[in-house]
Amino acid sequence: MDTPQLSSLYQQLILEHYRNPRNKAELKEKTVEIHMANPVCGDEIRLQLRIEGDHIAEAKFVGQGCSISQAAISMMTTLLQGRKLDEADALAKRFTEMMHGDEDASKDKALGDLRALKGVSKFPVRIKCALLGFDALQEALKKDGAGETH
């Protein structure tokens, strides 16, 4: 179980990414774009990637929503820069496992700041918020095979 200090630090990290999101901007030379929405709470994002060969050269997003959805995609896009496509897919799967309560996943250092969102797994209604960007990422990775903007 997280100590109160660690829990507070995690909360601060989530709020920091929400208030000052990383990579929140239009990507001019995108190769794939995926729009995702969570109508239950109004979260909406467009994930934009520039994929070169077998890696993600650049990742950005635009959208709005709750602190959890926006912080999660901010953290995710930061981790995606320069990653190979199979690493990005593994990251999405690992984060999804953490959101579904997998304790080993919540300790995986590969998730970086995303581990701050571990507590969201205790609130089933909020899991969709945290996973919105990752659902978009998995769709983007499926569609990239065509090599065109979607």
C-alpha atoms as a PDB file:
ATOM      1  CA  MET A   1       0.000   0.000   0.000  1.00  0.00           C
ATOM      2  CA  ASP A   2       1.248   3.496  -0.779  1.00  0.00           C
ATOM      3  CA  THR A   3       2.341   5.683   2.103  1.00  0.00           C
ATOM      4  CA  PRO A   4       0.442   8.984   2.481  1.00  0.00           C
ATOM      5  CA  GLN A   5       3.568  10.878   1.341  1.00  0.00           C
ATOM      6  CA  LEU A   6       3.922   8.755  -1.799  1.00  0.00           C
ATOM      7  CA  SER A   7       0.213   9.086  -2.529  1.00  0.00           C
ATOM      8  CA  SER A   8       0.497  12.868  -2.191  1.00  0.00           C
ATOM      9  CA  LEU A   9       3.532  12.911  -4.487  1.00  0.00           C
ATOM     10  CA  TYR A  10       1.603  10.868  -7.073  1.00  0.00           C
ATOM     11  CA  GLN A  11      -1.323  13.291  -6.845  1.00  0.00           C
ATOM     12  CA  GLN A  12       1.022  16.226  -7.391  1.00  0.00           C
ATOM     13  CA  LEU A  13       2.580  14.532 -10.425  1.00  0.00           C
ATOM     14  CA  ILE A  14      -0.854  13.900 -11.976  1.00  0.00           C
ATOM     15  CA  LEU A  15      -1.896  17.514 -11.387  1.00  0.00           C
ATOM     16  CA  GLU A  16       1.407  18.775 -12.808  1.00  0.00           C
ATOM     17  CA  HIS A  17       0.842  16.838 -16.065  1.00  0.00           C
ATOM     18  CA  TYR A  18      -2.779  18.042 -16.167  1.00  0.00           C
ATOM     19  CA  ARG A  19      -1.919  21.697 -15.634  1.00  0.00           C
ATOM     20  CA  ASN A  20       1.218  21.647 -17.813  1.00  0.00           C
ATOM     21  CA  PRO A  21       0.681  18.831 -20.311  1.00  0.00           C
ATOM     22  CA  ARG A  22       3.639  17.668 -22.342  1.00  0.00           C
ATOM     23  CA  ASN A  23       3.276  17.307 -26.109  1.00  0.00           C
ATOM     24  CA  LYS A  24      -0.163  18.955 -26.260  1.00  0.00           C
ATOM     25  CA  ALA A  25      -0.118  20.518 -29.727  1.00  0.00           C
ATOM     26  CA  GLU A  26      -0.962  19.776 -33.338  1.00  0.00           C
ATOM     27  CA  LEU A  27       1.638  17.607 -35.044  1.00  0.00           C
ATOM     28  CA  LYS A  28       2.257  19.001 -38.527  1.00  0.00           C
ATOM     29  CA  GLU A  29       3.826  15.923 -40.109  1.00  0.00           C
ATOM     30  CA  LYS A  30       1.718  13.171 -38.601  1.00  0.00           C
ATOM     31  CA  THR A  31       1.531   9.760 -40.223  1.00  0.00           C
ATOM     32  CA  VAL A  32      -1.373   8.554 -38.106  1.00  0.00           C
ATOM     33  CA  GLU A  33      -4.094  10.257 -36.073  1.00  0.00           C
ATOM     34  CA  ILE A  34      -6.685   8.575 -33.892  1.00  0.00           C
ATOM     35  CA  HIS A  35      -9.679  10.291 -32.304  1.00  0.00           C
ATOM     36  CA  MET A  36     -11.057   8.781 -29.089  1.00  0.00           C
ATOM     37  CA  ALA A  37     -13.818   9.964 -26.786  1.00  0.00           C
ATOM     38  CA  ASN A  38     -15.275   8.844 -23.486  1.00  0.00           C
ATOM     39  CA  PRO A  39     -18.866  10.104 -23.605  1.00  0.00           C
ATOM     40  CA  VAL A  40     -19.471   9.128 -19.972  1.00  0.00           C
ATOM     41  CA  CYS A  41     -17.267  11.923 -18.637  1.00  0.00           C
ATOM     42  CA  GLY A  42     -16.608  14.034 -21.739  1.00  0.00           C
ATOM     43  CA  ASP A  43     -12.937  13.176 -22.288  1.00  0.00           C
ATOM     44  CA  GLU A  44     -11.873  13.605 -25.898  1.00  0.00           C
ATOM     45  CA  ILE A  45      -8.432  13.307 -27.472  1.00  0.00           C
ATOM     46  CA  ARG A  46      -6.749  13.091 -30.840  1.00  0.00           C
ATOM     47  CA  LEU A  47      -3.465  11.209 -30.665  1.00  0.00           C
ATOM     48  CA  GLN A  48      -1.074  12.149 -33.463  1.00  0.00           C
ATOM     49  CA  LEU A  49       2.070  10.183 -34.258  1.00  0.00           C
ATOM     50  CA  ARG A  50       4.871  10.558 -36.760  1.00  0.00           C
ATOM     51  CA  ILE A  51       6.114   7.058 -37.371  1.00  0.00           C
ATOM     52  CA  GLU A  52       9.380   6.531 -39.206  1.00  0.00           C
ATOM     53  CA  GLY A  53      10.239   2.958 -40.049  1.00  0.00           C
ATOM     54  CA  ASP A  54       9.853   0.882 -36.898  1.00  0.00           C
ATOM     55  CA  HIS A  55       9.783   3.699 -34.338  1.00  0.00           C
ATOM     56  CA  ILE A  56       7.736   6.666 -33.162  1.00  0.00           C
ATOM     57  CA  ALA A  57       9.665   9.790 -34.075  1.00  0.00           C
ATOM     58  CA  GLU A  58       7.148  12.141 -32.485  1.00  0.00           C
ATOM     59  CA  ALA A  59       3.931  11.904 -30.434  1.00  0.00           C
ATOM     60  CA  LYS A  60       1.508  14.723 -29.679  1.00  0.00           C
ATOM     61  CA  PHE A  61      -2.126  15.084 -28.710  1.00  0.00           C
ATOM     62  CA  VAL A  62      -4.939  17.595 -28.632  1.00  0.00           C
ATOM     63  CA  GLY A  63      -8.118  17.391 -26.618  1.00  0.00           C
ATOM     64  CA  GLN A  64      -9.736  18.039 -23.301  1.00  0.00           C
ATOM     65  CA  GLY A  65     -11.022  16.104 -20.353  1.00  0.00           C
ATOM     66  CA  CYS A  66     -10.507  15.241 -16.741  1.00  0.00           C
ATOM     67  CA  SER A  67      -7.166  15.395 -14.962  1.00  0.00           C
ATOM     68  CA  ILE A  68      -6.679  11.630 -15.234  1.00  0.00           C
ATOM     69  CA  SER A  69      -7.187  11.344 -19.005  1.00  0.00           C
ATOM     70  CA  GLN A  70      -5.078  14.409 -19.762  1.00  0.00           C
ATOM     71  CA  ALA A  71      -2.257  13.503 -17.343  1.00  0.00           C
ATOM     72  CA  ALA A  72      -2.143   9.925 -18.635  1.00  0.00           C
ATOM     73  CA  ILE A  73      -1.802  10.939 -22.282  1.00  0.00           C
ATOM     74  CA  SER A  74       0.749  13.628 -21.383  1.00  0.00           C
ATOM     75  CA  MET A  75       2.873  11.011 -19.588  1.00  0.00           C
ATOM     76  CA  MET A  76       2.318   8.479 -22.381  1.00  0.00           C
ATOM     77  CA  THR A  77       3.402  10.785 -25.217  1.00  0.00           C
ATOM     78  CA  THR A  78       6.556  11.656 -23.280  1.00  0.00           C
ATOM     79  CA  LEU A  79       7.450   7.974 -23.004  1.00  0.00           C
ATOM     80  CA  LEU A  80       6.658   7.249 -26.670  1.00  0.00           C
ATOM     81  CA  GLN A  81       9.209   9.626 -28.218  1.00  0.00           C
ATOM     82  CA  GLY A  82      11.813   7.506 -30.015  1.00  0.00           C
ATOM     83  CA  ARG A  83      10.322   4.162 -28.975  1.00  0.00           C
ATOM     84  CA  LYS A  84      10.140   1.218 -31.327  1.00  0.00           C
ATOM     85  CA  LEU A  85       6.594   0.251 -32.283  1.00  0.00           C
ATOM     86  CA  ASP A  86       6.751  -3.075 -30.441  1.00  0.00           C
ATOM     87  CA  GLU A  87       7.978  -1.253 -27.307  1.00  0.00           C
ATOM     88  CA  ALA A  88       5.063   1.191 -27.589  1.00  0.00           C
ATOM     89  CA  ASP A  89       2.647  -1.729 -27.884  1.00  0.00           C
ATOM     90  CA  ALA A  90       4.218  -3.427 -24.849  1.00  0.00           C
ATOM     91  CA  LEU A  91       3.927  -0.164 -22.890  1.00  0.00           C
ATOM     92  CA  ALA A  92       0.218   0.097 -23.723  1.00  0.00           C
ATOM     93  CA  LYS A  93      -0.395  -3.499 -22.679  1.00  0.00           C
ATOM     94  CA  ARG A  94       1.578  -3.097 -19.441  1.00  0.00           C
ATOM     95  CA  PHE A  95      -0.282   0.077 -18.490  1.00  0.00           C
ATOM     96  CA  THR A  96      -3.605  -1.640 -19.222  1.00  0.00           C
ATOM     97  CA  GLU A  97      -2.564  -4.520 -16.928  1.00  0.00           C
ATOM     98  CA  MET A  98      -1.793  -2.001 -14.173  1.00  0.00           C
ATOM     99  CA  MET A  99      -5.193  -0.366 -14.635  1.00  0.00           C
ATOM    100  CA  HIS A 100      -6.794  -3.782 -14.163  1.00  0.00           C
ATOM    101  CA  GLY A 101      -5.026  -4.284 -10.823  1.00  0.00           C
ATOM    102  CA  ASP A 102      -1.849  -6.180 -11.789  1.00  0.00           C
ATOM    103  CA  GLU A 103       0.575  -5.491  -8.900  1.00  0.00           C
ATOM    104  CA  ASP A 104       3.665  -6.529 -10.901  1.00  0.00           C
ATOM    105  CA  ALA A 105       2.767  -4.035 -13.622  1.00  0.00           C
ATOM    106  CA  SER A 106       2.405  -1.252 -11.043  1.00  0.00           C
ATOM    107  CA  LYS A 107       6.033  -1.817 -10.005  1.00  0.00           C
ATOM    108  CA  ASP A 108       7.388  -1.908 -13.580  1.00  0.00           C
ATOM    109  CA  LYS A 109       9.922   0.927 -13.915  1.00  0.00           C
ATOM    110  CA  ALA A 110       9.338   0.940 -17.703  1.00  0.00           C
ATOM    111  CA  LEU A 111       6.046   2.740 -16.994  1.00  0.00           C
ATOM    112  CA  GLY A 112       7.917   5.734 -15.567  1.00  0.00           C
ATOM    113  CA  ASP A 113       5.611   8.486 -14.305  1.00  0.00           C
ATOM    114  CA  LEU A 114       2.586   6.460 -15.403  1.00  0.00           C
ATOM    115  CA  ARG A 115       2.943   4.466 -12.178  1.00  0.00           C
ATOM    116  CA  ALA A 116       1.514   7.534 -10.423  1.00  0.00           C
ATOM    117  CA  LEU A 117      -1.849   6.519 -11.904  1.00  0.00           C
ATOM    118  CA  LYS A 118      -1.857   3.148 -10.119  1.00  0.00           C
ATOM    119  CA  GLY A 119      -4.530   4.307  -7.658  1.00  0.00           C
ATOM    120  CA  VAL A 120      -6.992   4.843 -10.507  1.00  0.00           C
ATOM    121  CA  SER A 121      -7.371   1.055 -10.740  1.00  0.00           C
ATOM    122  CA  LYS A 122      -9.381   1.188  -7.495  1.00  0.00           C
ATOM    123  CA  PHE A 123     -12.040   3.334  -9.203  1.00  0.00           C
ATOM    124  CA  PRO A 124     -13.593   1.343 -12.076  1.00  0.00           C
ATOM    125  CA  VAL A 125     -15.440   4.389 -13.422  1.00  0.00           C
ATOM    126  CA  ARG A 126     -12.117   6.239 -13.883  1.00  0.00           C
ATOM    127  CA  ILE A 127     -10.155   3.408 -15.538  1.00  0.00           C
ATOM    128  CA  LYS A 128     -11.598   4.359 -18.949  1.00  0.00           C
ATOM    129  CA  CYS A 129     -10.273   7.901 -18.436  1.00  0.00           C
ATOM    130  CA  ALA A 130      -6.735   6.639 -17.829  1.00  0.00           C
ATOM    131  CA  LEU A 131      -6.884   4.199 -20.743  1.00  0.00           C
ATOM    132  CA  LEU A 132      -8.241   6.627 -23.362  1.00  0.00           C
ATOM    133  CA  GLY A 133      -4.827   7.594 -24.750  1.00  0.00           C
ATOM    134  CA  PHE A 134      -3.616   4.005 -24.659  1.00  0.00           C
ATOM    135  CA  ASP A 135      -6.694   2.802 -26.538  1.00  0.00           C
ATOM    136  CA  ALA A 136      -5.856   5.427 -29.173  1.00  0.00           C
ATOM    137  CA  LEU A 137      -2.232   4.264 -29.228  1.00  0.00           C
ATOM    138  CA  GLN A 138      -3.225   0.651 -29.826  1.00  0.00           C
ATOM    139  CA  GLU A 139      -5.547   1.718 -32.659  1.00  0.00           C
ATOM    140  CA  ALA A 140      -2.769   3.851 -34.157  1.00  0.00           C
ATOM    141  CA  LEU A 141      -0.340   0.950 -34.073  1.00  0.00           C
ATOM    142  CA  LYS A 142      -2.858  -1.283 -35.860  1.00  0.00           C
ATOM    143  CA  LYS A 143      -3.551   1.325 -38.556  1.00  0.00           C
ATOM    144  CA  ASP A 144       0.022   2.373 -39.212  1.00  0.00           C
ATOM    145  CA  GLY A 145       0.531  -0.612 -41.487  1.00  0.00           C
ATOM    146  CA  ALA A 146      -1.081   1.434 -44.262  1.00  0.00           C
ATOM    147  CA  GLY A 147       1.411   4.262 -43.708  1.00  0.00           C
ATOM    148  CA  GLU A 148      -1.159   7.009 -44.146  1.00  0.00           C
ATOM    149  CA  THR A 149      -2.946   9.482 -41.923  1.00  0.00           C
ATOM    150  CA  HIS A 150      -6.224   8.226 -40.488  1.00  0.00           C
END
